[in-house]
Protein backbone atom coordinates (compact mmCIF):
# COMPACT_ATOMS: atom_id res chain seq x y z
CA MET A 1 131.77 99.96 72.59
CA SER A 2 128.99 101.77 70.83
CA ARG A 3 129.66 104.88 68.78
CA CYS A 4 127.95 108.27 68.71
CA GLU A 5 125.55 108.61 65.78
CA PHE A 6 126.62 112.25 65.24
CA THR A 7 130.40 112.29 65.77
CA ASP A 8 131.26 108.60 65.22
CA LEU A 9 133.43 108.70 68.37
CA GLU A 10 133.15 106.11 71.12
CA GLN A 11 130.36 107.27 73.42
CA SER A 12 132.68 107.30 76.44
CA THR A 13 134.91 109.93 74.77
CA CYS A 14 132.23 111.95 72.96
CA ALA A 15 131.24 115.29 74.55
CA HIS A 16 127.86 114.99 72.86
CA CYS A 17 127.10 111.65 74.56
CA ARG A 18 128.52 112.28 78.03
CA PRO A 19 126.13 113.51 80.71
CA SER A 20 126.10 117.25 81.35
CA ALA A 21 127.92 118.77 84.33
CA GLU A 22 126.25 118.80 87.71
CA PRO A 23 124.21 121.99 88.27
CA ASP A 24 126.38 122.96 91.26
CA GLN A 25 129.51 122.97 89.09
CA ARG A 26 129.12 126.48 87.68
CA PRO A 27 132.18 127.81 85.91
CA ALA A 28 134.04 130.44 87.90
CA GLY A 29 137.01 132.69 87.23
CA ARG A 30 140.11 133.35 89.30
CA TRP A 31 140.02 135.32 92.56
CA PHE A 32 141.12 138.93 92.71
CA HIS A 33 140.47 142.00 94.89
CA ALA A 34 137.47 144.14 93.98
CA VAL A 35 138.30 147.58 92.64
CA HIS A 36 134.79 148.94 93.27
CA PRO A 37 132.11 148.13 95.87
CA GLY A 38 129.29 145.83 94.82
CA ALA A 39 126.96 143.05 95.91
CA CYS A 40 127.51 139.29 95.95
CA ALA A 41 125.44 137.65 93.21
CA ASP A 42 124.56 134.67 95.44
CA CYS A 43 123.42 136.33 98.67
CA ARG A 44 123.28 140.06 97.74
CA THR A 45 125.59 140.96 100.68
CA ARG A 46 127.40 144.22 99.94
CA PHE A 47 131.20 144.09 99.55
CA THR A 48 133.73 146.91 99.56
CA ALA A 49 136.76 147.62 97.38
CA GLY A 50 139.52 145.18 98.32
CA THR A 51 137.17 142.25 99.02
CA PRO A 52 138.16 138.98 97.29
CA ILE A 53 135.68 138.31 94.45
CA ARG A 54 135.47 136.21 91.31
CA MET A 55 133.15 135.91 88.33
CA GLN A 56 130.75 132.99 88.40
CA ILE A 57 128.86 132.40 85.17
CA PRO A 58 125.97 133.12 84.79
CA ALA A 59 125.36 134.52 88.30
CA GLY A 60 127.86 137.39 88.37
CA TRP A 61 130.42 138.50 90.98
CA ILE A 62 130.71 136.09 93.93
CA ALA A 63 132.35 137.46 97.09
CA ASP A 64 134.21 135.61 99.84
CA CYS A 65 130.97 135.49 101.88
CA CYS A 66 129.66 132.69 99.63
CA ASP A 67 132.86 130.93 98.56
CA THR A 68 136.37 130.39 99.93
CA PRO A 69 139.15 132.18 98.03
CA THR A 70 141.81 129.89 96.59
CA TRP A 71 144.83 132.06 95.96
């Protein structure tokens, strides 16, 4: 196995050498019920207080219109 020139780890275990995450794999937080009304960051559909939402970085608040809640 070859080693990373920066970290000296095997390339298969080095975060520097591994390919980056797929663009569709955006980090997202846990689901909870909205306290205030707002708009979905993906489709701009308005949501009301009580709608399941979660934070998706860097987009913003994603509502259940664009994703399926996993409680």
